[in-house]
Amino acid sequence: MDLSTDKEAWNAPSQDRIEQTIRGLKKNEFAILGSAEQVFIQTMSLEGGYLLEKRDGGPDHHFEAIPKDGRSRVKTKPPWWVFWEKPNSIHYFTSDEIIEAFNGYLEGDPDPTFATWNQIWI
């Protein structure tokens, strides 16, 4: 498994490295934990929390995490200078949830206890 951000990459990361990486993400930064080019779990830090997605082998196998606790989606607006983009409707997760999901994925469990997966088309 490899862990990467836009700044660094680690081969065979530890759970401590995953936690440090997730907690160190700044707004609009991402982290990806994967075993192959099209097999990974990823997150992005946003102002309200973190996104969580996974891919199991290509764009037709891309999923977003949906919280099991009934949290509603949040609409995010693109910056004013990107007026042609539509608002996104997303779910936010906490850093602790993302760390749990990444550590589970590292240990071979791709399904976090707090979320289900919903296929999305990219």
C-alpha atoms as a PDB file:
ATOM      1  CA  MET A   1       0.000   0.000   0.000  1.00  0.00           C
ATOM      2  CA  ASP A   2       1.090   3.539  -0.690  1.00  0.00           C
ATOM      3  CA  LEU A   3      -0.057   6.760   0.975  1.00  0.00           C
ATOM      4  CA  SER A   4       0.294  10.029  -0.912  1.00  0.00           C
ATOM      5  CA  THR A   5      -0.609  13.694  -0.769  1.00  0.00           C
ATOM      6  CA  ASP A   6       0.160  16.412  -3.281  1.00  0.00           C
ATOM      7  CA  LYS A   7       3.428  16.982  -1.382  1.00  0.00           C
ATOM      8  CA  GLU A   8       4.703  13.584  -0.188  1.00  0.00           C
ATOM      9  CA  ALA A   9       4.379   9.818  -0.623  1.00  0.00           C
ATOM     10  CA  TRP A  10       5.075   6.837   1.646  1.00  0.00           C
ATOM     11  CA  ASN A  11       5.383   3.171   0.828  1.00  0.00           C
ATOM     12  CA  ALA A  12       3.867   0.783   3.407  1.00  0.00           C
ATOM     13  CA  PRO A  13       2.633   3.536   5.760  1.00  0.00           C
ATOM     14  CA  SER A  14       1.967   2.833   9.416  1.00  0.00           C
ATOM     15  CA  GLN A  15      -1.250   3.752  11.195  1.00  0.00           C
ATOM     16  CA  ASP A  16       0.686   6.554  12.908  1.00  0.00           C
ATOM     17  CA  ARG A  17       1.780   7.910   9.507  1.00  0.00           C
ATOM     18  CA  ILE A  18      -1.840   7.817   8.307  1.00  0.00           C
ATOM     19  CA  GLU A  19      -3.018   9.726  11.382  1.00  0.00           C
ATOM     20  CA  GLN A  20      -0.266  12.353  11.067  1.00  0.00           C
ATOM     21  CA  THR A  21      -0.997  12.802   7.368  1.00  0.00           C
ATOM     22  CA  ILE A  22      -4.775  13.175   7.768  1.00  0.00           C
ATOM     23  CA  ARG A  23      -4.467  15.556  10.727  1.00  0.00           C
ATOM     24  CA  GLY A  24      -1.888  17.584   8.785  1.00  0.00           C
ATOM     25  CA  LEU A  25      -4.077  18.206   5.742  1.00  0.00           C
ATOM     26  CA  LYS A  26      -4.947  21.824   5.126  1.00  0.00           C
ATOM     27  CA  LYS A  27      -8.034  23.094   3.295  1.00  0.00           C
ATOM     28  CA  ASN A  28      -8.303  21.659  -0.248  1.00  0.00           C
ATOM     29  CA  GLU A  29      -5.462  19.163   0.297  1.00  0.00           C
ATOM     30  CA  PHE A  30      -5.967  15.443  -0.324  1.00  0.00           C
ATOM     31  CA  ALA A  31      -4.626  12.076   0.754  1.00  0.00           C
ATOM     32  CA  ILE A  32      -4.838   8.793  -1.159  1.00  0.00           C
ATOM     33  CA  LEU A  33      -4.171   5.294   0.174  1.00  0.00           C
ATOM     34  CA  GLY A  34      -3.975   2.681  -2.555  1.00  0.00           C
ATOM     35  CA  SER A  35      -2.801  -0.744  -3.541  1.00  0.00           C
ATOM     36  CA  ALA A  36      -2.931  -0.179  -7.330  1.00  0.00           C
ATOM     37  CA  GLU A  37      -3.416   2.683  -9.784  1.00  0.00           C
ATOM     38  CA  GLN A  38      -7.222   2.359  -9.838  1.00  0.00           C
ATOM     39  CA  VAL A  39      -7.714   0.777  -6.373  1.00  0.00           C
ATOM     40  CA  PHE A  40      -7.658   3.301  -3.552  1.00  0.00           C
ATOM     41  CA  ILE A  41      -9.466   5.256  -0.850  1.00  0.00           C
ATOM     42  CA  GLN A  42      -9.146   9.040  -0.842  1.00  0.00           C
ATOM     43  CA  THR A  43     -10.080  12.091   1.167  1.00  0.00           C
ATOM     44  CA  MET A  44      -9.962  15.846   0.744  1.00  0.00           C
ATOM     45  CA  SER A  45      -9.955  18.394   3.534  1.00  0.00           C
ATOM     46  CA  LEU A  46     -12.528  21.138   3.086  1.00  0.00           C
ATOM     47  CA  GLU A  47     -13.690  23.990   5.279  1.00  0.00           C
ATOM     48  CA  GLY A  48     -16.485  21.932   6.878  1.00  0.00           C
ATOM     49  CA  GLY A  49     -14.770  18.552   7.167  1.00  0.00           C
ATOM     50  CA  TYR A  50     -13.478  15.798   4.920  1.00  0.00           C
ATOM     51  CA  LEU A  51     -14.819  14.024   1.830  1.00  0.00           C
ATOM     52  CA  LEU A  52     -14.387  10.261   1.550  1.00  0.00           C
ATOM     53  CA  GLU A  53     -14.348   8.247  -1.672  1.00  0.00           C
ATOM     54  CA  LYS A  54     -12.982   4.965  -2.955  1.00  0.00           C
ATOM     55  CA  ARG A  55     -12.312   3.380  -6.319  1.00  0.00           C
ATOM     56  CA  ASP A  56     -12.258  -0.331  -7.070  1.00  0.00           C
ATOM     57  CA  GLY A  57     -10.801  -0.503 -10.553  1.00  0.00           C
ATOM     58  CA  GLY A  58     -11.706   2.408 -12.803  1.00  0.00           C
ATOM     59  CA  PRO A  59     -14.198   5.232 -13.258  1.00  0.00           C
ATOM     60  CA  ASP A  60     -17.160   2.834 -13.409  1.00  0.00           C
ATOM     61  CA  HIS A  61     -16.260   1.645  -9.901  1.00  0.00           C
ATOM     62  CA  HIS A  62     -15.992   4.951  -8.043  1.00  0.00           C
ATOM     63  CA  PHE A  63     -17.931   5.454  -4.783  1.00  0.00           C
ATOM     64  CA  GLU A  64     -18.673   8.214  -2.276  1.00  0.00           C
ATOM     65  CA  ALA A  65     -19.158   7.531   1.421  1.00  0.00           C
ATOM     66  CA  ILE A  66     -22.623   8.151   2.869  1.00  0.00           C
ATOM     67  CA  PRO A  67     -22.817   8.451   6.678  1.00  0.00           C
ATOM     68  CA  LYS A  68     -25.026   5.918   8.432  1.00  0.00           C
ATOM     69  CA  ASP A  69     -26.026   8.403  11.146  1.00  0.00           C
ATOM     70  CA  GLY A  70     -28.357  10.387   8.886  1.00  0.00           C
ATOM     71  CA  ARG A  71     -26.173  13.474   8.430  1.00  0.00           C
ATOM     72  CA  SER A  72     -27.544  15.522   5.587  1.00  0.00           C
ATOM     73  CA  ARG A  73     -25.676  16.566   2.507  1.00  0.00           C
ATOM     74  CA  VAL A  74     -24.094  19.988   2.419  1.00  0.00           C
ATOM     75  CA  LYS A  75     -24.179  22.170  -0.679  1.00  0.00           C
ATOM     76  CA  THR A  76     -20.885  23.778  -1.523  1.00  0.00           C
ATOM     77  CA  LYS A  77     -20.616  26.620  -3.986  1.00  0.00           C
ATOM     78  CA  PRO A  78     -17.703  26.978  -6.361  1.00  0.00           C
ATOM     79  CA  PRO A  79     -15.693  30.188  -6.098  1.00  0.00           C
ATOM     80  CA  TRP A  80     -17.297  33.159  -7.848  1.00  0.00           C
ATOM     81  CA  TRP A  81     -14.650  33.152 -10.587  1.00  0.00           C
ATOM     82  CA  VAL A  82     -15.680  29.601 -11.606  1.00  0.00           C
ATOM     83  CA  PHE A  83     -19.244  30.694 -12.377  1.00  0.00           C
ATOM     84  CA  TRP A  84     -19.872  27.863 -14.868  1.00  0.00           C
ATOM     85  CA  GLU A  85     -19.512  25.109 -12.251  1.00  0.00           C
ATOM     86  CA  LYS A  86     -22.580  23.859 -10.408  1.00  0.00           C
ATOM     87  CA  PRO A  87     -22.698  23.573  -6.595  1.00  0.00           C
ATOM     88  CA  ASN A  88     -21.706  20.200  -5.163  1.00  0.00           C
ATOM     89  CA  SER A  89     -23.802  18.219  -2.730  1.00  0.00           C
ATOM     90  CA  ILE A  90     -21.475  16.317  -0.397  1.00  0.00           C
ATOM     91  CA  HIS A  91     -21.198  14.624   2.987  1.00  0.00           C
ATOM     92  CA  TYR A  92     -18.581  15.772   5.490  1.00  0.00           C
ATOM     93  CA  PHE A  93     -16.716  13.461   7.834  1.00  0.00           C
ATOM     94  CA  THR A  94     -14.456  14.170  10.814  1.00  0.00           C
ATOM     95  CA  SER A  95     -10.715  13.597  10.841  1.00  0.00           C
ATOM     96  CA  ASP A  96     -11.235  10.717  13.311  1.00  0.00           C
ATOM     97  CA  GLU A  97     -13.648   9.028  10.891  1.00  0.00           C
ATOM     98  CA  ILE A  98     -11.236   9.454   7.984  1.00  0.00           C
ATOM     99  CA  ILE A  99      -8.371   8.015  10.038  1.00  0.00           C
ATOM    100  CA  GLU A 100     -10.582   5.049  10.994  1.00  0.00           C
ATOM    101  CA  ALA A 101     -11.528   4.478   7.338  1.00  0.00           C
ATOM    102  CA  PHE A 102      -7.923   4.712   6.090  1.00  0.00           C
ATOM    103  CA  ASN A 103      -6.622   2.395   8.843  1.00  0.00           C
ATOM    104  CA  GLY A 104      -9.386  -0.114   8.086  1.00  0.00           C
ATOM    105  CA  TYR A 105      -8.515   0.022   4.396  1.00  0.00           C
ATOM    106  CA  LEU A 106      -4.843  -0.503   5.264  1.00  0.00           C
ATOM    107  CA  GLU A 107      -5.811  -3.623   7.238  1.00  0.00           C
ATOM    108  CA  GLY A 108      -7.924  -5.001   4.370  1.00  0.00           C
ATOM    109  CA  ASP A 109     -11.361  -3.769   5.453  1.00  0.00           C
ATOM    110  CA  PRO A 110     -12.620  -1.330   2.784  1.00  0.00           C
ATOM    111  CA  ASP A 111     -15.981  -0.705   4.496  1.00  0.00           C
ATOM    112  CA  PRO A 112     -15.923   1.730   7.444  1.00  0.00           C
ATOM    113  CA  THR A 113     -18.448   1.068  10.193  1.00  0.00           C
ATOM    114  CA  PHE A 114     -19.863   4.607  10.048  1.00  0.00           C
ATOM    115  CA  ALA A 115     -20.617   4.771   6.296  1.00  0.00           C
ATOM    116  CA  THR A 116     -21.979   2.965   3.258  1.00  0.00           C
ATOM    117  CA  TRP A 117     -20.773   3.357  -0.315  1.00  0.00           C
ATOM    118  CA  ASN A 118     -22.801   4.950  -3.088  1.00  0.00           C
ATOM    119  CA  GLN A 119     -21.606   4.647  -6.692  1.00  0.00           C
ATOM    120  CA  ILE A 120     -20.925   7.947  -8.420  1.00  0.00           C
ATOM    121  CA  TRP A 121     -19.997   8.688 -12.037  1.00  0.00           C
ATOM    122  CA  ILE A 122     -16.884  10.707 -12.687  1.00  0.00           C
END
